[in-house]
C-alpha atoms as a PDB file:
ATOM      1  CA  UNK A   1     217.799-140.023  -0.282  1.00  0.00           C
ATOM      2  CA  UNK A   2     219.108-136.508   0.860  1.00  0.00           C
ATOM      3  CA  UNK A   3     216.203-135.058  -0.883  1.00  0.00           C
ATOM      4  CA  UNK A   4     213.095-136.903   1.179  1.00  0.00           C
ATOM      5  CA  UNK A   5     215.113-136.148   4.311  1.00  0.00           C
ATOM      6  CA  UNK A   6     215.282-132.318   3.325  1.00  0.00           C
ATOM      7  CA  UNK A   7     211.614-132.561   2.976  1.00  0.00           C
ATOM      8  CA  UNK A   8     210.707-134.847   5.795  1.00  0.00           C
ATOM      9  CA  UNK A   9     213.520-131.727   7.965  1.00  0.00           C
ATOM     10  CA  UNK A  10     210.916-128.890   6.123  1.00  0.00           C
ATOM     11  CA  UNK A  11     207.739-130.868   6.589  1.00  0.00           C
ATOM     12  CA  UNK A  12     208.595-131.674  10.635  1.00  0.00           C
ATOM     13  CA  UNK A  13     209.445-127.237  10.150  1.00  0.00           C
ATOM     14  CA  UNK A  14     206.319-126.487   9.233  1.00  0.00           C
ATOM     15  CA  UNK A  15     204.202-128.361  11.573  1.00  0.00           C
ATOM     16  CA  UNK A  16     206.220-126.576  14.410  1.00  0.00           C
ATOM     17  CA  UNK A  17     205.040-124.201  13.105  1.00  0.00           C
ATOM     18  CA  UNK A  18     201.789-124.671  12.396  1.00  0.00           C
ATOM     19  CA  UNK A  19     201.793-125.321  16.251  1.00  0.00           C
ATOM     20  CA  UNK A  20     202.845-122.724  17.832  1.00  0.00           C
ATOM     21  CA  UNK A  21     199.917-121.114  16.074  1.00  0.00           C
ATOM     22  CA  UNK A  22     196.673-122.734  16.909  1.00  0.00           C
ATOM     23  CA  UNK A  23     193.882-123.322  14.607  1.00  0.00           C
ATOM     24  CA  UNK A  24     190.534-120.501  14.231  1.00  0.00           C
ATOM     25  CA  UNK A  25     192.405-117.378  14.913  1.00  0.00           C
ATOM     26  CA  UNK A  26     192.058-114.279  13.123  1.00  0.00           C
ATOM     27  CA  UNK A  27     193.470-114.393   9.376  1.00  0.00           C
ATOM     28  CA  UNK A  28     196.752-112.349  10.555  1.00  0.00           C
ATOM     29  CA  UNK A  29     198.992-110.961   8.005  1.00  0.00           C
ATOM     30  CA  UNK A  30     202.640-113.070   6.652  1.00  0.00           C
ATOM     31  CA  UNK A  31     205.094-110.946   8.412  1.00  0.00           C
ATOM     32  CA  UNK A  32     203.157-111.686  11.335  1.00  0.00           C
ATOM     33  CA  UNK A  33     203.423-114.717  11.763  1.00  0.00           C
ATOM     34  CA  UNK A  34     207.252-114.923  10.451  1.00  0.00           C
ATOM     35  CA  UNK A  35     207.326-112.429  13.279  1.00  0.00           C
ATOM     36  CA  UNK A  36     206.079-115.099  15.587  1.00  0.00           C
ATOM     37  CA  UNK A  37     208.484-117.409  14.103  1.00  0.00           C
ATOM     38  CA  UNK A  38     210.978-115.943  15.175  1.00  0.00           C
ATOM     39  CA  UNK A  39     210.014-114.766  18.603  1.00  0.00           C
ATOM     40  CA  UNK A  40     208.442-118.134  20.054  1.00  0.00           C
ATOM     41  CA  UNK A  41     209.592-117.240  23.558  1.00  0.00           C
ATOM     42  CA  UNK A  42     207.761-114.247  23.134  1.00  0.00           C
ATOM     43  CA  UNK A  43     204.787-115.347  24.300  1.00  0.00           C
ATOM     44  CA  UNK A  44     204.794-115.200  28.412  1.00  0.00           C
ATOM     45  CA  UNK A  45     201.428-115.108  29.541  1.00  0.00           C
ATOM     46  CA  UNK A  46     197.923-117.083  28.686  1.00  0.00           C
ATOM     47  CA  UNK A  47     194.688-115.499  30.046  1.00  0.00           C
ATOM     48  CA  UNK A  48     191.557-117.492  29.440  1.00  0.00           C
ATOM     49  CA  UNK A  49     188.170-116.351  29.104  1.00  0.00           C
ATOM     50  CA  UNK A  50     185.466-119.429  29.649  1.00  0.00           C
ATOM     51  CA  UNK A  51     181.868-118.317  28.273  1.00  0.00           C
ATOM     52  CA  UNK A  52     178.417-119.828  29.429  1.00  0.00           C
ATOM     53  CA  UNK A  53     178.216-122.387  27.281  1.00  0.00           C
ATOM     54  CA  UNK A  54     181.298-123.781  28.078  1.00  0.00           C
ATOM     55  CA  UNK A  55     183.761-122.023  24.466  1.00  0.00           C
ATOM     56  CA  UNK A  56     186.655-120.338  25.444  1.00  0.00           C
ATOM     57  CA  UNK A  57     188.665-117.542  24.009  1.00  0.00           C
ATOM     58  CA  UNK A  58     192.192-117.335  25.073  1.00  0.00           C
ATOM     59  CA  UNK A  59     195.072-114.396  25.050  1.00  0.00           C
ATOM     60  CA  UNK A  60     198.872-114.956  24.292  1.00  0.00           C
ATOM     61  CA  UNK A  61     201.321-112.078  25.403  1.00  0.00           C
ATOM     62  CA  UNK A  62     203.667-110.826  27.311  1.00  0.00           C
ATOM     63  CA  UNK A  63     203.593-108.811  31.265  1.00  0.00           C
ATOM     64  CA  UNK A  64     206.072-106.241  29.701  1.00  0.00           C
ATOM     65  CA  UNK A  65     203.536-104.835  26.943  1.00  0.00           C
ATOM     66  CA  UNK A  66     200.441-105.189  27.860  1.00  0.00           C
ATOM     67  CA  UNK A  67     199.358-105.606  32.061  1.00  0.00           C
ATOM     68  CA  UNK A  68     196.045-108.348  32.509  1.00  0.00           C
ATOM     69  CA  UNK A  69     194.245-105.840  33.891  1.00  0.00           C
ATOM     70  CA  UNK A  70     194.068-104.007  30.705  1.00  0.00           C
ATOM     71  CA  UNK A  71     193.235-107.272  29.139  1.00  0.00           C
ATOM     72  CA  UNK A  72     190.371-107.894  31.471  1.00  0.00           C
ATOM     73  CA  UNK A  73     189.230-104.421  31.240  1.00  0.00           C
ATOM     74  CA  UNK A  74     188.993-104.216  27.441  1.00  0.00           C
ATOM     75  CA  UNK A  75     187.613-108.140  26.469  1.00  0.00           C
ATOM     76  CA  UNK A  76     184.980-108.657  29.611  1.00  0.00           C
ATOM     77  CA  UNK A  77     182.329-106.117  28.991  1.00  0.00           C
ATOM     78  CA  UNK A  78     182.125-107.489  24.765  1.00  0.00           C
ATOM     79  CA  UNK A  79     182.635-110.757  26.392  1.00  0.00           C
ATOM     80  CA  UNK A  80     179.262-110.468  28.305  1.00  0.00           C
ATOM     81  CA  UNK A  81     177.525-110.179  25.254  1.00  0.00           C
ATOM     82  CA  UNK A  82     179.349-112.576  23.110  1.00  0.00           C
ATOM     83  CA  UNK A  83     175.997-114.420  22.809  1.00  0.00           C
ATOM     84  CA  UNK A  84     176.928-115.365  19.386  1.00  0.00           C
ATOM     85  CA  UNK A  85     179.854-117.132  19.521  1.00  0.00           C
ATOM     86  CA  UNK A  86     179.679-120.984  19.065  1.00  0.00           C
ATOM     87  CA  UNK A  87     179.515-123.808  22.342  1.00  0.00           C
ATOM     88  CA  UNK A  88     182.809-125.366  23.254  1.00  0.00           C
ATOM     89  CA  UNK A  89     184.834-123.653  20.254  1.00  0.00           C
ATOM     90  CA  UNK A  90     187.899-121.730  21.200  1.00  0.00           C
ATOM     91  CA  UNK A  91     188.959-118.839  20.249  1.00  0.00           C
ATOM     92  CA  UNK A  92     193.250-117.780  19.872  1.00  0.00           C
ATOM     93  CA  UNK A  93     193.537-113.653  20.123  1.00  0.00           C
ATOM     94  CA  UNK A  94     198.198-113.450  20.030  1.00  0.00           C
ATOM     95  CA  UNK A  95     198.661-109.488  21.696  1.00  0.00           C
ATOM     96  CA  UNK A  96     202.169-108.445  20.272  1.00  0.00           C
ATOM     97  CA  UNK A  97     201.370-103.971  20.077  1.00  0.00           C
ATOM     98  CA  UNK A  98     203.770-103.360  17.113  1.00  0.00           C
ATOM     99  CA  UNK A  99     201.422-104.596  14.671  1.00  0.00           C
ATOM    100  CA  UNK A 100     197.455-103.784  14.411  1.00  0.00           C
ATOM    101  CA  UNK A 101     196.386-107.009  14.075  1.00  0.00           C
ATOM    102  CA  UNK A 102     198.236-107.895  17.293  1.00  0.00           C
ATOM    103  CA  UNK A 103     196.602-104.773  18.976  1.00  0.00           C
ATOM    104  CA  UNK A 104     194.406-104.958  22.066  1.00  0.00           C
ATOM    105  CA  UNK A 105     192.364-102.826  20.332  1.00  0.00           C
ATOM    106  CA  UNK A 106     191.518-105.081  17.261  1.00  0.00           C
ATOM    107  CA  UNK A 107     190.486-108.280  19.581  1.00  0.00           C
ATOM    108  CA  UNK A 108     187.361-106.816  20.962  1.00  0.00           C
ATOM    109  CA  UNK A 109     187.020-105.652  17.770  1.00  0.00           C
ATOM    110  CA  UNK A 110     186.807-108.578  16.703  1.00  0.00           C
ATOM    111  CA  UNK A 111     184.530-109.944  19.192  1.00  0.00           C
ATOM    112  CA  UNK A 112     182.156-106.853  18.538  1.00  0.00           C
ATOM    113  CA  UNK A 113     181.721-108.164  14.989  1.00  0.00           C
ATOM    114  CA  UNK A 114     181.753-111.576  14.857  1.00  0.00           C
ATOM    115  CA  UNK A 115     179.522-112.988  18.290  1.00  0.00           C
ATOM    116  CA  UNK A 116     177.689-110.373  19.088  1.00  0.00           C
ATOM    117  CA  UNK A 117     174.682-109.403  17.444  1.00  0.00           C
ATOM    118  CA  UNK A 118     174.046-106.059  16.975  1.00  0.00           C
ATOM    119  CA  UNK A 119     170.345-103.921  15.629  1.00  0.00           C
ATOM    120  CA  UNK A 120     170.936-101.962  12.726  1.00  0.00           C
ATOM    121  CA  UNK A 121     171.078 -97.974  13.327  1.00  0.00           C
ATOM    122  CA  UNK A 122     170.609 -95.014  10.972  1.00  0.00           C
ATOM    123  CA  UNK A 123     171.665 -92.160  10.218  1.00  0.00           C
ATOM    124  CA  UNK A 124     170.498 -89.449   8.911  1.00  0.00           C
ATOM    125  CA  UNK A 125     173.205 -86.693   7.400  1.00  0.00           C
ATOM    126  CA  UNK A 126     172.349 -83.024   5.103  1.00  0.00           C
ATOM    127  CA  UNK A 127     176.085 -83.698   3.127  1.00  0.00           C
ATOM    128  CA  UNK A 128     177.392 -80.512   1.779  1.00  0.00           C
ATOM    129  CA  UNK A 129     180.507 -79.592  -0.544  1.00  0.00           C
ATOM    130  CA  UNK A 130     182.154 -77.641  -2.766  1.00  0.00           C
ATOM    131  CA  UNK A 131     183.721 -80.123  -6.006  1.00  0.00           C
ATOM    132  CA  UNK A 132     186.079 -78.860  -9.428  1.00  0.00           C
ATOM    133  CA  UNK A 133     183.779 -80.717 -12.622  1.00  0.00           C
ATOM    134  CA  UNK A 134     184.278 -79.877 -16.010  1.00  0.00           C
ATOM    135  CA  UNK A 135     186.434 -76.740 -15.773  1.00  0.00           C
ATOM    136  CA  UNK A 136     183.680 -75.201 -12.823  1.00  0.00           C
ATOM    137  CA  UNK A 137     183.205 -74.620  -9.698  1.00  0.00           C
ATOM    138  CA  UNK A 138     179.926 -76.655  -7.869  1.00  0.00           C
ATOM    139  CA  UNK A 139     178.426 -77.075  -5.078  1.00  0.00           C
ATOM    140  CA  UNK A 140     177.623 -80.251  -3.995  1.00  0.00           C
ATOM    141  CA  UNK A 141     173.910 -79.904  -1.038  1.00  0.00           C
ATOM    142  CA  UNK A 142     171.624 -82.993  -0.128  1.00  0.00           C
ATOM    143  CA  UNK A 143     170.531 -85.057   1.858  1.00  0.00           C
ATOM    144  CA  UNK A 144     170.892 -88.976   2.335  1.00  0.00           C
ATOM    145  CA  UNK A 145     169.533 -91.863   4.866  1.00  0.00           C
ATOM    146  CA  UNK A 146     172.368 -94.786   5.515  1.00  0.00           C
ATOM    147  CA  UNK A 147     171.673 -98.435   7.122  1.00  0.00           C
ATOM    148  CA  UNK A 148     174.309 -98.718   9.343  1.00  0.00           C
ATOM    149  CA  UNK A 149     175.280-102.434   9.296  1.00  0.00           C
ATOM    150  CA  UNK A 150     178.193-104.739  11.336  1.00  0.00           C
ATOM    151  CA  UNK A 151     181.108-104.068   9.273  1.00  0.00           C
ATOM    152  CA  UNK A 152     179.157-101.776   6.698  1.00  0.00           C
ATOM    153  CA  UNK A 153     176.769 -99.342   5.943  1.00  0.00           C
ATOM    154  CA  UNK A 154     174.436 -98.751   2.492  1.00  0.00           C
ATOM    155  CA  UNK A 155     171.598 -96.488   2.081  1.00  0.00           C
ATOM    156  CA  UNK A 156     170.484 -93.597  -1.116  1.00  0.00           C
ATOM    157  CA  UNK A 157     171.135 -90.325  -1.098  1.00  0.00           C
ATOM    158  CA  UNK A 158     169.496 -87.133  -2.881  1.00  0.00           C
ATOM    159  CA  UNK A 159     171.709 -84.393  -3.540  1.00  0.00           C
ATOM    160  CA  UNK A 160     172.154 -81.692  -6.374  1.00  0.00           C
ATOM    161  CA  UNK A 161     175.169 -80.600  -8.544  1.00  0.00           C
ATOM    162  CA  UNK A 162     174.334 -76.771  -8.793  1.00  0.00           C
ATOM    163  CA  UNK A 163     176.427 -74.584 -11.836  1.00  0.00           C
ATOM    164  CA  UNK A 164     176.428 -70.717 -12.115  1.00  0.00           C
ATOM    165  CA  UNK A 165     176.832 -68.835 -15.158  1.00  0.00           C
ATOM    166  CA  UNK A 166     176.771 -65.555 -15.828  1.00  0.00           C
ATOM    167  CA  UNK A 167     173.515 -63.720 -17.323  1.00  0.00           C
ATOM    168  CA  UNK A 168     174.308 -61.087 -20.617  1.00  0.00           C
ATOM    169  CA  UNK A 169     172.673 -59.035 -18.804  1.00  0.00           C
ATOM    170  CA  UNK A 170     174.153 -59.007 -15.590  1.00  0.00           C
ATOM    171  CA  UNK A 171     173.540 -61.232 -12.935  1.00  0.00           C
ATOM    172  CA  UNK A 172     174.253 -65.260 -13.315  1.00  0.00           C
ATOM    173  CA  UNK A 173     172.461 -68.746 -14.019  1.00  0.00           C
ATOM    174  CA  UNK A 174     171.562 -70.840 -10.951  1.00  0.00           C
ATOM    175  CA  UNK A 175     171.781 -74.201 -12.644  1.00  0.00           C
ATOM    176  CA  UNK A 176     169.998 -77.497 -10.582  1.00  0.00           C
ATOM    177  CA  UNK A 177     171.018 -81.351 -11.688  1.00  0.00           C
ATOM    178  CA  UNK A 178     169.220 -83.679  -8.564  1.00  0.00           C
ATOM    179  CA  UNK A 179     171.292 -86.901  -9.071  1.00  0.00           C
ATOM    180  CA  UNK A 180     169.548 -90.292  -7.982  1.00  0.00           C
ATOM    181  CA  UNK A 181     172.156 -92.003  -5.924  1.00  0.00           C
ATOM    182  CA  UNK A 182     173.197 -95.619  -3.985  1.00  0.00           C
ATOM    183  CA  UNK A 183     175.661 -95.348  -1.384  1.00  0.00           C
ATOM    184  CA  UNK A 184     177.329 -97.609   0.384  1.00  0.00           C
ATOM    185  CA  UNK A 185     180.735 -97.352   3.369  1.00  0.00           C
ATOM    186  CA  UNK A 186     183.440 -99.359   3.954  1.00  0.00           C
ATOM    187  CA  UNK A 187     184.520 -99.460   8.564  1.00  0.00           C
ATOM    188  CA  UNK A 188     187.495-101.234   8.378  1.00  0.00           C
ATOM    189  CA  UNK A 189     189.032-101.643  11.653  1.00  0.00           C
ATOM    190  CA  UNK A 190     192.041 -99.486  11.429  1.00  0.00           C
ATOM    191  CA  UNK A 191     191.834 -97.625   8.463  1.00  0.00           C
ATOM    192  CA  UNK A 192     190.032 -94.764   6.927  1.00  0.00           C
ATOM    193  CA  UNK A 193     185.903 -95.327   6.661  1.00  0.00           C
ATOM    194  CA  UNK A 194     185.373 -94.901   3.170  1.00  0.00           C
ATOM    195  CA  UNK A 195     182.723 -94.295   0.402  1.00  0.00           C
ATOM    196  CA  UNK A 196     181.436 -95.686  -3.258  1.00  0.00           C
ATOM    197  CA  UNK A 197     178.348 -93.564  -4.525  1.00  0.00           C
ATOM    198  CA  UNK A 198     176.414 -94.741  -8.094  1.00  0.00           C
ATOM    199  CA  UNK A 199     174.002 -92.307  -9.261  1.00  0.00           C
ATOM    200  CA  UNK A 200     171.646 -91.143 -11.985  1.00  0.00           C
ATOM    201  CA  UNK A 201     170.783 -87.485 -13.334  1.00  0.00           C
ATOM    202  CA  UNK A 202     167.436 -86.830 -13.441  1.00  0.00           C
ATOM    203  CA  UNK A 203     167.317 -84.026 -15.109  1.00  0.00           C
ATOM    204  CA  UNK A 204     170.607 -81.778 -16.337  1.00  0.00           C
ATOM    205  CA  UNK A 205     171.162 -78.219 -16.308  1.00  0.00           C
ATOM    206  CA  UNK A 206     173.508 -76.052 -18.214  1.00  0.00           C
ATOM    207  CA  UNK A 207     176.345 -75.801 -19.579  1.00  0.00           C
ATOM    208  CA  UNK A 208     178.865 -79.569 -18.974  1.00  0.00           C
ATOM    209  CA  UNK A 209     175.983 -82.383 -18.728  1.00  0.00           C
ATOM    210  CA  UNK A 210     173.573 -83.691 -21.504  1.00  0.00           C
ATOM    211  CA  UNK A 211     171.208 -86.578 -22.252  1.00  0.00           C
ATOM    212  CA  UNK A 212     171.469 -89.809 -19.478  1.00  0.00           C
ATOM    213  CA  UNK A 213     174.431 -88.892 -16.744  1.00  0.00           C
ATOM    214  CA  UNK A 214     175.894 -91.210 -14.701  1.00  0.00           C
ATOM    215  CA  UNK A 215     178.488 -89.922 -11.592  1.00  0.00           C
ATOM    216  CA  UNK A 216     180.477 -92.489  -9.410  1.00  0.00           C
ATOM    217  CA  UNK A 217     182.761 -90.570  -7.061  1.00  0.00           C
ATOM    218  CA  UNK A 218     184.958 -92.611  -4.730  1.00  0.00           C
ATOM    219  CA  UNK A 219     185.140 -90.694  -1.062  1.00  0.00           C
ATOM    220  CA  UNK A 220     188.090 -90.960   1.507  1.00  0.00           C
ATOM    221  CA  UNK A 221     187.045 -89.941   4.943  1.00  0.00           C
ATOM    222  CA  UNK A 222     190.236 -87.473   6.464  1.00  0.00           C
ATOM    223  CA  UNK A 223     187.482 -87.326   9.357  1.00  0.00           C
ATOM    224  CA  UNK A 224     184.387 -88.419  10.701  1.00  0.00           C
ATOM    225  CA  UNK A 225     182.871 -85.243   9.378  1.00  0.00           C
ATOM    226  CA  UNK A 226     185.567 -84.696   6.381  1.00  0.00           C
ATOM    227  CA  UNK A 227     185.722 -86.079   3.221  1.00  0.00           C
ATOM    228  CA  UNK A 228     187.450 -86.235   0.080  1.00  0.00           C
ATOM    229  CA  UNK A 229     186.127 -86.853  -2.883  1.00  0.00           C
ATOM    230  CA  UNK A 230     187.319 -88.479  -6.318  1.00  0.00           C
ATOM    231  CA  UNK A 231     184.762 -89.597  -9.127  1.00  0.00           C
ATOM    232  CA  UNK A 232     183.622 -88.694 -13.005  1.00  0.00           C
ATOM    233  CA  UNK A 233     180.605 -87.933 -14.379  1.00  0.00           C
ATOM    234  CA  UNK A 234     179.501 -89.665 -17.794  1.00  0.00           C
ATOM    235  CA  UNK A 235     177.136 -87.647 -19.948  1.00  0.00           C
ATOM    236  CA  UNK A 236     175.842 -86.800 -23.133  1.00  0.00           C
ATOM    237  CA  UNK A 237     174.434 -90.642 -23.241  1.00  0.00           C
ATOM    238  CA  UNK A 238     177.524 -91.554 -21.555  1.00  0.00           C
ATOM    239  CA  UNK A 239     179.776 -90.720 -24.433  1.00  0.00           C
ATOM    240  CA  UNK A 240     180.948 -88.158 -22.773  1.00  0.00           C
ATOM    241  CA  UNK A 241     183.193 -88.851 -19.079  1.00  0.00           C
ATOM    242  CA  UNK A 242     184.402 -85.808 -17.143  1.00  0.00           C
ATOM    243  CA  UNK A 243     186.595 -86.827 -14.312  1.00  0.00           C
ATOM    244  CA  UNK A 244     185.545 -84.339 -10.752  1.00  0.00           C
ATOM    245  CA  UNK A 245     187.244 -83.776  -7.210  1.00  0.00           C
ATOM    246  CA  UNK A 246     186.132 -81.988  -4.133  1.00  0.00           C
ATOM    247  CA  UNK A 247     185.319 -82.075  -0.743  1.00  0.00           C
ATOM    248  CA  UNK A 248     182.582 -83.111   0.818  1.00  0.00           C
ATOM    249  CA  UNK A 249     181.383 -82.319   4.707  1.00  0.00           C
ATOM    250  CA  UNK A 250     179.132 -84.809   6.688  1.00  0.00           C
END
C-alpha cells in the first residue's frame, strides 16, 4: 500500500511539474527545466502575441530581467514575417537571461527559423589559407560557392594545395594539387559556425600526395572570416593517412 501511495505521489508531482511547462516549447535542456521547477514563482509576467490566423505566441518572464518594451521591440518585426505559423496553434517561451536557450535573442531566432519564409541566398568566396601537411607548410587557395539555407549552407569548392621543393640548381619547384570538394556549414544559434569539407584530388603533384587521394577537413569559425582547420588526407590509393592542421581566411 505504501509503495502504491508513493507511486501516486510521484505521479502527482510529475504532473504538477509538467503543468508548469506547457506543451509546444523549445527543447529546453534538463538544467533549465530543473531551474523552472525549483523557481516556480520567477515568471511573474506574461505577454502574448495573437497572429492573424488566430495562432498565439506566449512569453513568460520576470519584469526585473526583461522589460515589456524590449520584448515587443525584438519580437514584433519577426512576428510580422511569421507567415508559416500554424493556424490556431500556441507556442510558449520562457525568458531567463542566464540560459542561452531562454534568452530573448534565441526566441527571436527560433521564431525566424521555424515560421518565416526563407529565400535561398548564395555566397561566393575566394578562400586562402596556410596548412601544415606531411611535415611541410603549404598554401591552400581556391574558389567556393555556397547555398545559404535556414540552418546550414551547402556548396562546393575548388582548392589548390601548393607544395614547394628546392631545385638542385637553385630556386624552388611549385607543385599544384587541385581538389574538388563538397562543403557543408552549420550555423547553430549561440555556438560557433563549423564546417565539413570532403575532397578528391584530381591530379597529384609533389613529394607528399601519390595516387588516388582524398581529404576530409573540419573547420571551426573563430570569426566570420577566420577559420581553424583540422583534418586528414588519405593518399597512395587511400593507404596512407596524413594529418593536417591550418588556418583559413574567407
